């Protein structure tokens, strides 16, 4: 990974670039799982302006971006209501996979959440996402497998968790 990569809190000005990273990552990870129209629909819901703007401003969330001549990755975490835990997502532009950008985002997010008293982070990754599962297996413990419904279809998902601290 280049020394020019900076991880910082996302701003409203980053949201279009963040959506671009999400699109490229979803296209690369799920090309054999979802058609383009389904990915469009999922991204329109999950990355709508109001959803991302709320994450930028929320006290119980962290939205960080990795920047190197533009946004190349992001991590989003939302703290759970009833326990000292957070749900986490990490996405990196496919052109930068394997360069340590995801690990840098993960570490910065962990530090930020630990400072707020969060004790662990978790996420699930669809079994079809080889790159995502490899990343999470390197940094988390696989604690479960479950089925999730996406766009009317049932998919196996691996559940990962990691303590902070």
N, C-alpha and C. Protein backbone atom coordinates (compact mmCIF):
# COMPACT_ATOMS: atom_id res chain seq x y z
N UNK A 1 0.86 -1.17 0.00
CA UNK A 1 0.00 0.00 0.00
C UNK A 1 0.90 1.22 0.00
N UNK A 2 0.49 2.22 -0.74
CA UNK A 2 1.28 3.43 -0.82
C UNK A 2 1.18 4.26 0.44
N UNK A 3 2.21 5.03 0.69
CA UNK A 3 2.22 5.91 1.86
C UNK A 3 1.25 7.07 1.70
N UNK A 4 0.71 7.27 0.51
CA UNK A 4 -0.17 8.39 0.26
C UNK A 4 -1.62 8.13 0.69
N UNK A 5 -1.93 6.91 1.14
CA UNK A 5 -3.30 6.60 1.56
C UNK A 5 -3.55 7.20 2.94
N UNK A 6 -4.63 7.96 3.02
CA UNK A 6 -5.05 8.59 4.28
C UNK A 6 -6.44 8.08 4.63
N UNK A 7 -6.66 7.75 5.89
CA UNK A 7 -7.99 7.37 6.36
C UNK A 7 -8.49 8.52 7.22
N UNK A 8 -9.71 8.97 6.90
CA UNK A 8 -10.29 10.10 7.63
C UNK A 8 -11.81 9.94 7.66
N UNK A 9 -12.48 10.70 8.54
CA UNK A 9 -13.94 10.66 8.55
C UNK A 9 -14.50 11.14 7.21
N UNK A 10 -15.55 10.49 6.76
CA UNK A 10 -16.21 10.88 5.51
C UNK A 10 -16.97 12.18 5.72
N UNK A 11 -17.08 12.94 4.65
CA UNK A 11 -17.89 14.15 4.63
C UNK A 11 -18.96 14.00 3.55
N UNK A 12 -19.89 14.91 3.53
CA UNK A 12 -20.93 14.89 2.50
C UNK A 12 -20.32 14.98 1.10
N UNK A 13 -19.17 15.61 0.97
CA UNK A 13 -18.51 15.73 -0.33
C UNK A 13 -17.95 14.40 -0.85
N UNK A 14 -17.81 13.41 0.02
CA UNK A 14 -17.26 12.11 -0.35
C UNK A 14 -18.31 11.11 -0.83
N UNK A 15 -19.58 11.42 -0.67
CA UNK A 15 -20.61 10.41 -0.83
C UNK A 15 -20.73 9.87 -2.25
N UNK A 16 -20.60 10.70 -3.26
CA UNK A 16 -20.67 10.19 -4.63
C UNK A 16 -19.49 9.25 -4.93
N UNK A 17 -18.32 9.61 -4.48
CA UNK A 17 -17.14 8.76 -4.69
C UNK A 17 -17.28 7.45 -3.91
N UNK A 18 -17.82 7.53 -2.72
CA UNK A 18 -18.06 6.34 -1.90
C UNK A 18 -19.03 5.40 -2.63
N UNK A 19 -20.08 5.96 -3.19
CA UNK A 19 -21.04 5.14 -3.96
C UNK A 19 -20.35 4.48 -5.16
N UNK A 20 -19.42 5.18 -5.78
CA UNK A 20 -18.67 4.61 -6.90
C UNK A 20 -17.83 3.42 -6.48
N UNK A 21 -17.19 3.53 -5.32
CA UNK A 21 -16.42 2.40 -4.78
C UNK A 21 -17.36 1.23 -4.51
N UNK A 22 -18.51 1.51 -3.90
CA UNK A 22 -19.47 0.44 -3.61
C UNK A 22 -19.90 -0.26 -4.90
N UNK A 23 -20.19 0.51 -5.93
CA UNK A 23 -20.64 -0.07 -7.19
C UNK A 23 -19.57 -0.97 -7.79
N UNK A 24 -18.35 -0.48 -7.86
CA UNK A 24 -17.27 -1.28 -8.45
C UNK A 24 -17.00 -2.54 -7.63
N UNK A 25 -17.05 -2.41 -6.30
CA UNK A 25 -16.81 -3.57 -5.43
C UNK A 25 -17.94 -4.61 -5.59
N UNK A 26 -19.18 -4.15 -5.58
CA UNK A 26 -20.31 -5.07 -5.77
C UNK A 26 -20.24 -5.73 -7.14
N UNK A 27 -19.95 -4.97 -8.19
CA UNK A 27 -19.85 -5.56 -9.52
C UNK A 27 -18.78 -6.65 -9.55
N UNK A 28 -17.63 -6.38 -8.95
CA UNK A 28 -16.53 -7.35 -8.97
C UNK A 28 -16.82 -8.57 -8.09
N UNK A 29 -17.38 -8.34 -6.90
CA UNK A 29 -17.59 -9.44 -5.95
C UNK A 29 -18.80 -10.30 -6.30
N UNK A 30 -19.82 -9.68 -6.89
CA UNK A 30 -21.08 -10.39 -7.07
C UNK A 30 -21.54 -10.50 -8.53
N UNK A 31 -20.62 -10.39 -9.48
CA UNK A 31 -20.99 -10.45 -10.90
C UNK A 31 -21.70 -11.75 -11.25
N UNK A 32 -21.33 -12.84 -10.59
CA UNK A 32 -21.94 -14.13 -10.89
C UNK A 32 -23.15 -14.42 -10.00
N UNK A 33 -23.46 -13.51 -9.06
CA UNK A 33 -24.54 -13.72 -8.11
C UNK A 33 -25.76 -12.88 -8.42
N UNK A 34 -25.54 -11.59 -8.75
CA UNK A 34 -26.64 -10.66 -8.99
C UNK A 34 -26.48 -10.02 -10.37
N UNK A 35 -27.60 -9.76 -11.03
CA UNK A 35 -27.52 -9.02 -12.28
C UNK A 35 -27.37 -7.53 -11.97
N UNK A 36 -27.04 -6.77 -12.99
CA UNK A 36 -26.76 -5.35 -12.82
C UNK A 36 -27.96 -4.59 -12.26
N UNK A 37 -29.17 -4.94 -12.68
CA UNK A 37 -30.37 -4.26 -12.19
C UNK A 37 -30.58 -4.50 -10.70
N UNK A 38 -30.28 -5.70 -10.24
CA UNK A 38 -30.42 -6.01 -8.81
C UNK A 38 -29.39 -5.24 -8.00
N UNK A 39 -28.17 -5.17 -8.50
CA UNK A 39 -27.13 -4.39 -7.81
C UNK A 39 -27.54 -2.92 -7.77
N UNK A 40 -28.07 -2.41 -8.87
CA UNK A 40 -28.56 -1.02 -8.89
C UNK A 40 -29.57 -0.79 -7.78
N UNK A 41 -30.54 -1.69 -7.67
CA UNK A 41 -31.61 -1.55 -6.67
C UNK A 41 -31.05 -1.60 -5.25
N UNK A 42 -30.16 -2.53 -4.99
CA UNK A 42 -29.58 -2.66 -3.65
C UNK A 42 -28.76 -1.42 -3.28
N UNK A 43 -28.00 -0.92 -4.23
CA UNK A 43 -27.19 0.26 -3.96
C UNK A 43 -28.05 1.51 -3.80
N UNK A 44 -29.11 1.62 -4.58
CA UNK A 44 -29.99 2.78 -4.45
C UNK A 44 -30.60 2.85 -3.05
N UNK A 45 -30.96 1.70 -2.49
CA UNK A 45 -31.53 1.68 -1.14
C UNK A 45 -30.47 1.88 -0.07
N UNK A 46 -29.39 1.11 -0.15
CA UNK A 46 -28.38 1.13 0.90
C UNK A 46 -27.48 2.35 0.89
N UNK A 47 -27.40 3.03 -0.26
CA UNK A 47 -26.49 4.16 -0.39
C UNK A 47 -27.23 5.43 -0.78
N UNK A 48 -28.50 5.51 -0.43
CA UNK A 48 -29.28 6.71 -0.68
C UNK A 48 -28.70 7.88 0.09
N UNK A 49 -28.91 9.09 -0.43
CA UNK A 49 -28.37 10.28 0.22
C UNK A 49 -28.71 10.33 1.71
N UNK A 50 -29.98 10.10 2.05
CA UNK A 50 -30.39 10.22 3.46
C UNK A 50 -29.72 9.17 4.34
N UNK A 51 -29.47 7.98 3.81
CA UNK A 51 -28.80 6.93 4.59
C UNK A 51 -27.36 7.34 4.87
N UNK A 52 -26.64 7.75 3.84
CA UNK A 52 -25.23 8.10 4.02
C UNK A 52 -25.05 9.39 4.81
N UNK A 53 -25.91 10.38 4.55
CA UNK A 53 -25.80 11.64 5.31
C UNK A 53 -26.04 11.41 6.80
N UNK A 54 -26.95 10.49 7.12
CA UNK A 54 -27.19 10.17 8.53
C UNK A 54 -25.95 9.53 9.15
N UNK A 55 -25.26 8.66 8.40
CA UNK A 55 -24.04 8.04 8.92
C UNK A 55 -22.93 9.08 9.13
N UNK A 56 -22.83 10.03 8.22
CA UNK A 56 -21.80 11.07 8.36
C UNK A 56 -22.02 11.86 9.65
N UNK A 57 -23.28 12.14 9.98
CA UNK A 57 -23.60 13.01 11.12
C UNK A 57 -23.88 12.28 12.42
N UNK A 58 -24.06 10.96 12.40
CA UNK A 58 -24.52 10.22 13.58
C UNK A 58 -23.44 10.11 14.65
N UNK A 59 -23.88 10.22 15.91
CA UNK A 59 -22.97 10.03 17.04
C UNK A 59 -22.71 8.56 17.32
N UNK A 60 -23.61 7.67 16.88
CA UNK A 60 -23.46 6.25 17.15
C UNK A 60 -22.99 5.47 15.91
N UNK A 61 -22.32 6.16 15.00
CA UNK A 61 -21.82 5.52 13.78
C UNK A 61 -20.46 6.10 13.42
N UNK A 62 -19.76 5.37 12.60
CA UNK A 62 -18.49 5.85 12.06
C UNK A 62 -18.49 5.56 10.57
N UNK A 63 -18.20 6.54 9.79
CA UNK A 63 -18.06 6.37 8.34
C UNK A 63 -16.72 6.99 7.96
N UNK A 64 -15.77 6.13 7.62
CA UNK A 64 -14.42 6.57 7.29
C UNK A 64 -14.14 6.26 5.82
N UNK A 65 -13.30 7.08 5.21
CA UNK A 65 -12.88 6.84 3.84
C UNK A 65 -11.36 6.75 3.77
N UNK A 66 -10.90 5.93 2.83
CA UNK A 66 -9.48 5.87 2.49
C UNK A 66 -9.31 6.68 1.22
N UNK A 67 -8.36 7.60 1.24
CA UNK A 67 -8.18 8.53 0.14
C UNK A 67 -6.75 8.45 -0.37
N UNK A 68 -6.63 8.36 -1.68
CA UNK A 68 -5.35 8.41 -2.39
C UNK A 68 -5.67 8.94 -3.78
N UNK A 69 -5.57 10.25 -3.96
CA UNK A 69 -6.01 10.89 -5.20
C UNK A 69 -7.48 10.56 -5.46
N UNK A 70 -8.27 10.58 -4.43
CA UNK A 70 -9.69 10.26 -4.49
C UNK A 70 -10.02 9.14 -3.52
N UNK A 71 -11.31 8.93 -3.29
CA UNK A 71 -11.76 7.89 -2.37
C UNK A 71 -11.54 6.53 -3.02
N UNK A 72 -10.82 5.64 -2.30
CA UNK A 72 -10.53 4.29 -2.82
C UNK A 72 -11.13 3.20 -1.94
N UNK A 73 -11.74 3.59 -0.83
CA UNK A 73 -12.36 2.61 0.06
C UNK A 73 -13.07 3.30 1.18
N UNK A 74 -13.89 2.53 1.90
CA UNK A 74 -14.58 3.09 3.05
C UNK A 74 -14.95 1.99 4.03
N UNK A 75 -15.16 2.40 5.25
CA UNK A 75 -15.66 1.52 6.31
C UNK A 75 -16.78 2.25 7.00
N UNK A 76 -17.87 1.55 7.23
CA UNK A 76 -19.00 2.10 7.95
C UNK A 76 -19.35 1.19 9.10
N UNK A 77 -19.63 1.76 10.25
CA UNK A 77 -20.00 0.98 11.43
C UNK A 77 -21.11 1.70 12.16
N UNK A 78 -22.10 0.93 12.58
CA UNK A 78 -23.22 1.47 13.35
C UNK A 78 -23.28 0.70 14.65
N UNK A 79 -23.28 1.43 15.76
CA UNK A 79 -23.32 0.80 17.07
C UNK A 79 -24.69 0.18 17.32
N UNK A 80 -24.68 -0.97 17.98
CA UNK A 80 -25.92 -1.66 18.35
C UNK A 80 -26.60 -0.90 19.49
N UNK A 81 -27.92 -1.00 19.54
CA UNK A 81 -28.69 -0.29 20.57
C UNK A 81 -28.52 -0.88 21.96
N UNK A 82 -28.49 -2.19 22.07
CA UNK A 82 -28.58 -2.84 23.38
C UNK A 82 -27.27 -3.38 23.93
N UNK A 83 -26.20 -3.32 23.17
CA UNK A 83 -24.95 -3.91 23.63
C UNK A 83 -23.76 -3.12 23.10
N UNK A 84 -22.61 -3.29 23.71
CA UNK A 84 -21.43 -2.55 23.26
C UNK A 84 -20.78 -3.20 22.03
N UNK A 85 -21.53 -3.22 20.92
CA UNK A 85 -21.05 -3.83 19.69
C UNK A 85 -21.44 -2.94 18.51
N UNK A 86 -20.85 -3.23 17.35
CA UNK A 86 -21.18 -2.46 16.15
C UNK A 86 -21.18 -3.39 14.95
N UNK A 87 -22.08 -3.09 14.01
CA UNK A 87 -22.09 -3.76 12.72
C UNK A 87 -21.17 -2.99 11.79
N UNK A 88 -20.34 -3.71 11.06
CA UNK A 88 -19.28 -3.10 10.28
C UNK A 88 -19.37 -3.52 8.82
N UNK A 89 -19.04 -2.61 7.91
CA UNK A 89 -18.87 -2.90 6.49
C UNK A 89 -17.57 -2.27 6.02
N UNK A 90 -16.80 -3.01 5.25
CA UNK A 90 -15.56 -2.49 4.67
C UNK A 90 -15.59 -2.80 3.18
N UNK A 91 -15.41 -1.77 2.36
CA UNK A 91 -15.35 -1.94 0.91
C UNK A 91 -14.16 -1.17 0.36
N UNK A 92 -13.48 -1.78 -0.60
CA UNK A 92 -12.32 -1.16 -1.24
C UNK A 92 -12.49 -1.31 -2.75
N UNK A 93 -12.07 -0.31 -3.49
CA UNK A 93 -12.10 -0.37 -4.94
C UNK A 93 -11.34 -1.63 -5.39
N UNK A 94 -11.92 -2.43 -6.28
CA UNK A 94 -11.26 -3.66 -6.72
C UNK A 94 -9.85 -3.45 -7.26
N UNK A 95 -9.57 -2.28 -7.84
CA UNK A 95 -8.22 -2.00 -8.32
C UNK A 95 -7.20 -1.93 -7.19
N UNK A 96 -7.69 -1.80 -5.95
CA UNK A 96 -6.80 -1.68 -4.79
C UNK A 96 -6.89 -2.88 -3.85
N UNK A 97 -7.63 -3.91 -4.24
CA UNK A 97 -7.71 -5.13 -3.41
C UNK A 97 -6.31 -5.71 -3.23
N UNK A 98 -6.05 -6.19 -2.03
CA UNK A 98 -4.78 -6.85 -1.73
C UNK A 98 -3.65 -5.89 -1.41
N UNK A 99 -3.94 -4.60 -1.29
CA UNK A 99 -2.89 -3.61 -1.03
C UNK A 99 -2.90 -3.10 0.41
N UNK A 100 -3.73 -3.67 1.27
CA UNK A 100 -3.76 -3.28 2.67
C UNK A 100 -4.70 -2.13 2.99
N UNK A 101 -5.44 -1.63 2.02
CA UNK A 101 -6.34 -0.50 2.26
C UNK A 101 -7.46 -0.91 3.21
N UNK A 102 -8.03 -2.10 3.01
CA UNK A 102 -9.08 -2.58 3.90
C UNK A 102 -8.60 -2.74 5.33
N UNK A 103 -7.39 -3.25 5.50
CA UNK A 103 -6.83 -3.41 6.85
C UNK A 103 -6.62 -2.05 7.51
N UNK A 104 -6.20 -1.08 6.75
CA UNK A 104 -6.00 0.27 7.30
C UNK A 104 -7.34 0.88 7.71
N UNK A 105 -8.36 0.70 6.89
CA UNK A 105 -9.70 1.18 7.24
C UNK A 105 -10.22 0.47 8.48
N UNK A 106 -10.03 -0.83 8.53
CA UNK A 106 -10.50 -1.62 9.67
C UNK A 106 -9.83 -1.15 10.96
N UNK A 107 -8.55 -0.96 10.93
CA UNK A 107 -7.84 -0.53 12.15
C UNK A 107 -8.31 0.85 12.61
N UNK A 108 -8.46 1.78 11.69
CA UNK A 108 -8.93 3.12 12.07
C UNK A 108 -10.34 3.07 12.64
N UNK A 109 -11.18 2.24 12.06
CA UNK A 109 -12.56 2.10 12.56
C UNK A 109 -12.57 1.46 13.93
N UNK A 110 -11.76 0.43 14.11
CA UNK A 110 -11.67 -0.23 15.42
C UNK A 110 -11.24 0.77 16.51
N UNK A 111 -10.23 1.57 16.22
CA UNK A 111 -9.75 2.55 17.19
C UNK A 111 -10.85 3.54 17.55
N UNK A 112 -11.54 4.01 16.54
CA UNK A 112 -12.61 5.00 16.76
C UNK A 112 -13.73 4.40 17.61
N UNK A 113 -14.13 3.18 17.31
CA UNK A 113 -15.20 2.54 18.07
C UNK A 113 -14.76 2.18 19.48
N UNK A 114 -13.54 1.68 19.64
CA UNK A 114 -13.04 1.33 20.97
C UNK A 114 -13.00 2.56 21.88
N UNK A 115 -12.64 3.70 21.32
CA UNK A 115 -12.63 4.94 22.10
C UNK A 115 -14.02 5.31 22.60
N UNK A 116 -15.06 4.80 21.93
CA UNK A 116 -16.44 5.09 22.33
C UNK A 116 -17.04 3.97 23.17
N UNK A 117 -16.22 3.00 23.59
CA UNK A 117 -16.70 1.94 24.46
C UNK A 117 -17.26 0.72 23.76
N UNK A 118 -17.16 0.65 22.45
CA UNK A 118 -17.62 -0.53 21.72
C UNK A 118 -16.62 -1.66 21.98
N UNK A 119 -17.12 -2.85 22.26
CA UNK A 119 -16.26 -3.97 22.62
C UNK A 119 -16.01 -4.95 21.48
N UNK A 120 -16.90 -4.99 20.48
CA UNK A 120 -16.68 -5.91 19.36
C UNK A 120 -17.42 -5.41 18.12
N UNK A 121 -16.94 -5.89 16.97
CA UNK A 121 -17.57 -5.58 15.70
C UNK A 121 -17.94 -6.89 15.01
N UNK A 122 -18.97 -6.82 14.18
CA UNK A 122 -19.38 -8.01 13.45
C UNK A 122 -19.88 -7.60 12.07
N UNK A 123 -19.91 -8.58 11.18
CA UNK A 123 -20.45 -8.38 9.84
C UNK A 123 -20.76 -9.75 9.27
N UNK A 124 -21.57 -9.75 8.24
CA UNK A 124 -21.77 -11.00 7.50
C UNK A 124 -21.39 -10.74 6.05
N UNK A 125 -20.92 -11.80 5.42
CA UNK A 125 -20.47 -11.74 4.03
C UNK A 125 -21.11 -12.90 3.30
N UNK A 126 -21.72 -12.63 2.16
CA UNK A 126 -22.30 -13.70 1.38
C UNK A 126 -21.23 -14.73 1.02
N UNK A 127 -21.59 -15.99 1.10
CA UNK A 127 -20.63 -17.06 0.83
C UNK A 127 -20.02 -16.95 -0.55
N UNK A 128 -20.76 -16.37 -1.51
CA UNK A 128 -20.25 -16.24 -2.88
C UNK A 128 -19.13 -15.21 -3.00
N UNK A 129 -18.97 -14.35 -2.03
CA UNK A 129 -17.98 -13.27 -2.10
C UNK A 129 -16.63 -13.77 -1.59
N UNK A 130 -15.84 -14.33 -2.48
CA UNK A 130 -14.55 -14.92 -2.11
C UNK A 130 -13.59 -13.90 -1.53
N UNK A 131 -13.51 -12.73 -2.14
CA UNK A 131 -12.59 -11.69 -1.68
C UNK A 131 -12.99 -11.20 -0.29
N UNK A 132 -14.29 -10.93 -0.10
CA UNK A 132 -14.77 -10.47 1.20
C UNK A 132 -14.55 -11.50 2.29
N UNK A 133 -14.82 -12.76 2.00
CA UNK A 133 -14.60 -13.81 2.99
C UNK A 133 -13.12 -13.97 3.33
N UNK A 134 -12.26 -13.86 2.34
CA UNK A 134 -10.82 -13.96 2.61
C UNK A 134 -10.36 -12.82 3.52
N UNK A 135 -10.86 -11.60 3.26
CA UNK A 135 -10.49 -10.45 4.10
C UNK A 135 -10.96 -10.65 5.53
N UNK A 136 -12.23 -10.98 5.69
CA UNK A 136 -12.77 -11.14 7.04
C UNK A 136 -12.13 -12.32 7.77
N UNK A 137 -11.84 -13.40 7.06
CA UNK A 137 -11.19 -14.55 7.70
C UNK A 137 -9.81 -14.18 8.23
N UNK A 138 -9.15 -13.22 7.59
CA UNK A 138 -7.83 -12.77 8.05
C UNK A 138 -7.90 -11.89 9.29
N UNK A 139 -9.04 -11.21 9.50
CA UNK A 139 -9.12 -10.21 10.56
C UNK A 139 -10.17 -10.49 11.62
N UNK A 140 -11.02 -11.48 11.40
CA UNK A 140 -12.13 -11.78 12.29
C UNK A 140 -12.20 -13.27 12.55
N UNK A 141 -13.05 -13.65 13.50
CA UNK A 141 -13.39 -15.05 13.72
C UNK A 141 -14.73 -15.31 13.04
N UNK A 142 -14.81 -16.40 12.32
CA UNK A 142 -16.10 -16.80 11.76
C UNK A 142 -16.88 -17.47 12.88
N UNK A 143 -18.02 -16.89 13.24
CA UNK A 143 -18.76 -17.37 14.40
C UNK A 143 -20.06 -18.08 14.04
N UNK A 144 -20.50 -17.97 12.80
CA UNK A 144 -21.77 -18.57 12.43
C UNK A 144 -21.93 -18.52 10.92
N UNK A 145 -22.93 -19.24 10.46
CA UNK A 145 -23.38 -19.12 9.08
C UNK A 145 -24.89 -19.04 9.13
N UNK A 146 -25.46 -18.17 8.33
CA UNK A 146 -26.91 -18.02 8.31
C UNK A 146 -27.36 -17.78 6.88
N UNK A 147 -28.65 -17.77 6.71
CA UNK A 147 -29.20 -17.47 5.41
C UNK A 147 -29.81 -16.08 5.46
N UNK A 148 -29.60 -15.32 4.39
CA UNK A 148 -30.16 -13.97 4.28
C UNK A 148 -30.92 -13.90 2.96
N UNK A 149 -31.96 -13.08 2.97
CA UNK A 149 -32.72 -12.88 1.74
C UNK A 149 -32.33 -11.54 1.13
N UNK A 150 -31.95 -11.59 -0.11
CA UNK A 150 -31.59 -10.39 -0.85
C UNK A 150 -32.28 -10.46 -2.21
N UNK A 151 -33.04 -9.44 -2.50
CA UNK A 151 -33.76 -9.35 -3.78
C UNK A 151 -34.61 -10.58 -4.03
N UNK A 152 -35.24 -11.09 -2.98
CA UNK A 152 -36.14 -12.22 -3.11
C UNK A 152 -35.47 -13.58 -3.22
N UNK A 153 -34.15 -13.61 -3.08
CA UNK A 153 -33.41 -14.87 -3.15
C UNK A 153 -32.71 -15.12 -1.82
N UNK A 154 -32.61 -16.38 -1.45
CA UNK A 154 -31.93 -16.76 -0.21
C UNK A 154 -30.48 -17.10 -0.52
N UNK A 155 -29.58 -16.55 0.31
CA UNK A 155 -28.13 -16.77 0.13
C UNK A 155 -27.52 -17.17 1.46
N UNK A 156 -26.52 -18.04 1.41
CA UNK A 156 -25.73 -18.37 2.59
C UNK A 156 -24.79 -17.21 2.87
N UNK A 157 -24.64 -16.90 4.15
CA UNK A 157 -23.74 -15.82 4.56
C UNK A 157 -22.92 -16.29 5.75
N UNK A 158 -21.65 -15.94 5.75
CA UNK A 158 -20.78 -16.21 6.87
C UNK A 158 -20.80 -15.02 7.82
N UNK A 159 -20.92 -15.28 9.11
CA UNK A 159 -20.97 -14.23 10.12
C UNK A 159 -19.60 -14.17 10.80
N UNK A 160 -19.05 -12.98 10.84
CA UNK A 160 -17.71 -12.76 11.42
C UNK A 160 -17.83 -11.80 12.58
N UNK A 161 -16.92 -11.96 13.54
CA UNK A 161 -16.91 -11.09 14.72
C UNK A 161 -15.46 -10.94 15.19
N UNK A 162 -15.16 -9.78 15.74
CA UNK A 162 -13.83 -9.54 16.29
C UNK A 162 -13.94 -8.63 17.51
N UNK A 163 -13.19 -8.95 18.56
CA UNK A 163 -13.17 -8.08 19.72
C UNK A 163 -12.36 -6.82 19.42
N UNK A 164 -12.67 -5.74 20.12
CA UNK A 164 -11.88 -4.52 20.04
C UNK A 164 -11.07 -4.44 21.32
N UNK A 165 -9.83 -4.17 21.16
CA UNK A 165 -9.01 -4.03 22.36
C UNK A 165 -7.89 -5.02 22.43
